[in-house]
Amino acid sequence: NDTGAGKHWSDNEVRALINIWSDEKIQQMLEGATRNKEIFEEIARRLMKRGIDRDWKQCRTKYKNLKYEYRALQKENELLGNPRRKMRFYDEVDCILRRQPLGTSGWGCESSSLLSGTKNFSDEIK
């Protein structure tokens, strides 16, 4: 029986996590927080409201992995100039980490389709 501990995140689950992470209140709480269990418990609660069952540790791990992969890719791009590796959801994570101003839809980047899930990210990754 799958307990979910090592369960792979689906694209929709990652989109939901990124969408919650993009919330200005969540970003402000995460900024400079060293003890962030409560923040990730809140993220897990919001995911649960969307029908996604993830605990706070899974949310924190996925968040850290997305940030790490993004930063590693940024560093690689600076060194090589021409990216050889690709990252799913790069544009969305880039938007959050660059702190783009939030638009009227609550999502400041061009990726308003992140909410609707209509974008094909595998074709768009840069």
C-alpha atoms as a PDB file:
ATOM      1  CA  ASN A   1       0.000   0.000   0.000  1.00  0.00           C
ATOM      2  CA  ASP A   2       1.408   3.391  -0.991  1.00  0.00           C
ATOM      3  CA  THR A   3       1.891   5.621   2.049  1.00  0.00           C
ATOM      4  CA  GLY A   4       2.851   8.568  -0.119  1.00  0.00           C
ATOM      5  CA  ALA A   5       6.294   8.948   1.445  1.00  0.00           C
ATOM      6  CA  GLY A   6       8.209   8.356  -1.767  1.00  0.00           C
ATOM      7  CA  LYS A   7       5.287   9.010  -4.069  1.00  0.00           C
ATOM      8  CA  HIS A   8       6.178  10.926  -7.211  1.00  0.00           C
ATOM      9  CA  TRP A   9       4.619  14.400  -7.533  1.00  0.00           C
ATOM     10  CA  SER A  10       2.322  14.761 -10.531  1.00  0.00           C
ATOM     11  CA  ASP A  11       2.494  17.922 -12.646  1.00  0.00           C
ATOM     12  CA  ASN A  12      -0.830  19.075 -11.203  1.00  0.00           C
ATOM     13  CA  GLU A  13       0.459  18.617  -7.650  1.00  0.00           C
ATOM     14  CA  VAL A  14       3.613  20.604  -8.456  1.00  0.00           C
ATOM     15  CA  ARG A  15       1.526  23.339 -10.124  1.00  0.00           C
ATOM     16  CA  ALA A  16      -0.679  23.541  -7.018  1.00  0.00           C
ATOM     17  CA  LEU A  17       2.385  23.743  -4.755  1.00  0.00           C
ATOM     18  CA  ILE A  18       3.935  26.476  -6.915  1.00  0.00           C
ATOM     19  CA  ASN A  19       0.645  28.354  -6.982  1.00  0.00           C
ATOM     20  CA  ILE A  20       0.443  28.311  -3.172  1.00  0.00           C
ATOM     21  CA  TRP A  21       4.147  29.205  -2.922  1.00  0.00           C
ATOM     22  CA  SER A  22       3.488  32.207  -5.190  1.00  0.00           C
ATOM     23  CA  ASP A  23       1.026  33.621  -2.639  1.00  0.00           C
ATOM     24  CA  GLU A  24       2.552  36.823  -1.286  1.00  0.00           C
ATOM     25  CA  LYS A  25       1.729  35.915   2.332  1.00  0.00           C
ATOM     26  CA  ILE A  26       3.460  32.551   1.985  1.00  0.00           C
ATOM     27  CA  GLN A  27       6.500  34.201   0.380  1.00  0.00           C
ATOM     28  CA  GLN A  28       6.715  36.728   3.199  1.00  0.00           C
ATOM     29  CA  MET A  29       6.504  33.975   5.812  1.00  0.00           C
ATOM     30  CA  LEU A  30       9.203  31.929   4.068  1.00  0.00           C
ATOM     31  CA  GLU A  31      11.504  34.936   3.718  1.00  0.00           C
ATOM     32  CA  GLY A  32      14.124  34.685   6.425  1.00  0.00           C
ATOM     33  CA  ALA A  33      12.283  31.969   8.350  1.00  0.00           C
ATOM     34  CA  THR A  34      14.639  29.407   9.831  1.00  0.00           C
ATOM     35  CA  ARG A  35      11.968  27.312  11.519  1.00  0.00           C
ATOM     36  CA  ASN A  36       9.366  26.871   8.861  1.00  0.00           C
ATOM     37  CA  LYS A  37       7.437  23.742   9.837  1.00  0.00           C
ATOM     38  CA  GLU A  38       4.269  25.794  10.488  1.00  0.00           C
ATOM     39  CA  ILE A  39       4.510  27.422   7.041  1.00  0.00           C
ATOM     40  CA  PHE A  40       4.734  24.058   5.307  1.00  0.00           C
ATOM     41  CA  GLU A  41       1.890  22.726   7.454  1.00  0.00           C
ATOM     42  CA  GLU A  42      -0.187  25.636   6.090  1.00  0.00           C
ATOM     43  CA  ILE A  43       0.908  24.779   2.521  1.00  0.00           C
ATOM     44  CA  ALA A  44      -0.051  21.120   3.121  1.00  0.00           C
ATOM     45  CA  ARG A  45      -3.481  22.248   4.452  1.00  0.00           C
ATOM     46  CA  ARG A  46      -4.043  24.362   1.331  1.00  0.00           C
ATOM     47  CA  LEU A  47      -3.050  21.428  -0.882  1.00  0.00           C
ATOM     48  CA  MET A  48      -5.475  19.204   1.036  1.00  0.00           C
ATOM     49  CA  LYS A  49      -8.284  21.684   0.254  1.00  0.00           C
ATOM     50  CA  ARG A  50      -7.439  21.079  -3.420  1.00  0.00           C
ATOM     51  CA  GLY A  51      -7.616  17.327  -2.922  1.00  0.00           C
ATOM     52  CA  ILE A  52      -3.846  16.781  -2.762  1.00  0.00           C
ATOM     53  CA  ASP A  53      -2.673  14.685   0.178  1.00  0.00           C
ATOM     54  CA  ARG A  54       0.890  15.701   1.067  1.00  0.00           C
ATOM     55  CA  ASP A  55       2.370  16.215   4.505  1.00  0.00           C
ATOM     56  CA  TRP A  56       4.461  19.231   5.489  1.00  0.00           C
ATOM     57  CA  LYS A  57       7.759  17.346   5.094  1.00  0.00           C
ATOM     58  CA  GLN A  58       6.909  16.347   1.521  1.00  0.00           C
ATOM     59  CA  CYS A  59       5.965  19.954   0.735  1.00  0.00           C
ATOM     60  CA  ARG A  60       9.175  21.297   2.248  1.00  0.00           C
ATOM     61  CA  THR A  61      11.304  18.735   0.403  1.00  0.00           C
ATOM     62  CA  LYS A  62       9.639  19.492  -2.944  1.00  0.00           C
ATOM     63  CA  TYR A  63      10.008  23.248  -2.333  1.00  0.00           C
ATOM     64  CA  LYS A  64      13.708  22.850  -1.474  1.00  0.00           C
ATOM     65  CA  ASN A  65      14.321  20.599  -4.487  1.00  0.00           C
ATOM     66  CA  LEU A  66      12.662  23.069  -6.870  1.00  0.00           C
ATOM     67  CA  LYS A  67      14.735  25.924  -5.446  1.00  0.00           C
ATOM     68  CA  TYR A  68      17.953  23.891  -5.543  1.00  0.00           C
ATOM     69  CA  GLU A  69      17.402  22.740  -9.126  1.00  0.00           C
ATOM     70  CA  TYR A  70      16.560  26.292 -10.198  1.00  0.00           C
ATOM     71  CA  ARG A  71      19.666  27.764  -8.555  1.00  0.00           C
ATOM     72  CA  ALA A  72      21.923  25.023  -9.935  1.00  0.00           C
ATOM     73  CA  LEU A  73      20.554  25.684 -13.421  1.00  0.00           C
ATOM     74  CA  GLN A  74      21.052  29.448 -12.977  1.00  0.00           C
ATOM     75  CA  LYS A  75      24.676  28.876 -11.981  1.00  0.00           C
ATOM     76  CA  GLU A  76      25.231  26.494 -14.890  1.00  0.00           C
ATOM     77  CA  ASN A  77      23.719  29.017 -17.316  1.00  0.00           C
ATOM     78  CA  GLU A  78      26.020  31.755 -16.021  1.00  0.00           C
ATOM     79  CA  LEU A  79      29.054  29.534 -16.562  1.00  0.00           C
ATOM     80  CA  LEU A  80      28.113  27.974 -19.890  1.00  0.00           C
ATOM     81  CA  GLY A  81      25.796  30.591 -21.322  1.00  0.00           C
ATOM     82  CA  ASN A  82      23.870  27.935 -23.204  1.00  0.00           C
ATOM     83  CA  PRO A  83      21.736  25.693 -20.998  1.00  0.00           C
ATOM     84  CA  ARG A  84      22.179  22.010 -21.662  1.00  0.00           C
ATOM     85  CA  ARG A  85      19.857  20.826 -18.911  1.00  0.00           C
ATOM     86  CA  LYS A  86      16.201  21.639 -18.637  1.00  0.00           C
ATOM     87  CA  MET A  87      13.945  22.060 -15.643  1.00  0.00           C
ATOM     88  CA  ARG A  88      10.204  21.587 -15.495  1.00  0.00           C
ATOM     89  CA  PHE A  89       8.392  24.644 -14.131  1.00  0.00           C
ATOM     90  CA  TYR A  90      11.493  26.823 -14.587  1.00  0.00           C
ATOM     91  CA  ASP A  91       9.498  29.918 -15.591  1.00  0.00           C
ATOM     92  CA  GLU A  92       7.164  29.611 -12.613  1.00  0.00           C
ATOM     93  CA  VAL A  93       9.963  29.176 -10.071  1.00  0.00           C
ATOM     94  CA  ASP A  94      11.923  31.975 -11.776  1.00  0.00           C
ATOM     95  CA  CYS A  95       8.923  34.263 -11.408  1.00  0.00           C
ATOM     96  CA  ILE A  96       8.573  33.537  -7.692  1.00  0.00           C
ATOM     97  CA  LEU A  97      12.265  33.805  -6.864  1.00  0.00           C
ATOM     98  CA  ARG A  98      12.659  37.044  -8.804  1.00  0.00           C
ATOM     99  CA  ARG A  99       9.692  38.384  -6.842  1.00  0.00           C
ATOM    100  CA  GLN A 100       7.720  39.601  -9.837  1.00  0.00           C
ATOM    101  CA  PRO A 101       4.864  41.853  -8.779  1.00  0.00           C
ATOM    102  CA  LEU A 102       1.621  39.957  -8.501  1.00  0.00           C
ATOM    103  CA  GLY A 103      -0.901  40.644 -11.209  1.00  0.00           C
ATOM    104  CA  THR A 104      -4.634  41.035 -10.785  1.00  0.00           C
ATOM    105  CA  SER A 105      -5.067  37.284 -11.125  1.00  0.00           C
ATOM    106  CA  GLY A 106      -2.784  36.756  -8.110  1.00  0.00           C
ATOM    107  CA  TRP A 107      -0.034  35.409 -10.346  1.00  0.00           C
ATOM    108  CA  GLY A 108       2.409  38.016 -11.567  1.00  0.00           C
ATOM    109  CA  CYS A 109       4.049  36.150 -14.399  1.00  0.00           C
ATOM    110  CA  GLU A 110       2.741  35.434 -17.835  1.00  0.00           C
ATOM    111  CA  SER A 111       1.877  31.959 -16.592  1.00  0.00           C
ATOM    112  CA  SER A 112      -1.696  32.647 -15.574  1.00  0.00           C
ATOM    113  CA  SER A 113      -2.411  29.340 -17.278  1.00  0.00           C
ATOM    114  CA  LEU A 114      -0.616  27.755 -14.330  1.00  0.00           C
ATOM    115  CA  LEU A 115      -3.944  28.028 -12.551  1.00  0.00           C
ATOM    116  CA  SER A 116      -5.929  26.462 -15.355  1.00  0.00           C
ATOM    117  CA  GLY A 117      -3.297  23.844 -16.166  1.00  0.00           C
ATOM    118  CA  THR A 118      -3.630  24.422 -19.904  1.00  0.00           C
ATOM    119  CA  LYS A 119       0.030  25.095 -20.606  1.00  0.00           C
ATOM    120  CA  ASN A 120       2.235  22.287 -21.870  1.00  0.00           C
ATOM    121  CA  PHE A 121       5.332  22.848 -19.751  1.00  0.00           C
ATOM    122  CA  SER A 122       7.434  20.095 -21.329  1.00  0.00           C
ATOM    123  CA  ASP A 123       7.354  21.926 -24.672  1.00  0.00           C
ATOM    124  CA  GLU A 124       8.059  25.301 -23.147  1.00  0.00           C
ATOM    125  CA  ILE A 125      10.974  24.659 -20.794  1.00  0.00           C
ATOM    126  CA  LYS A 126      13.910  26.855 -21.625  1.00  0.00           C
END
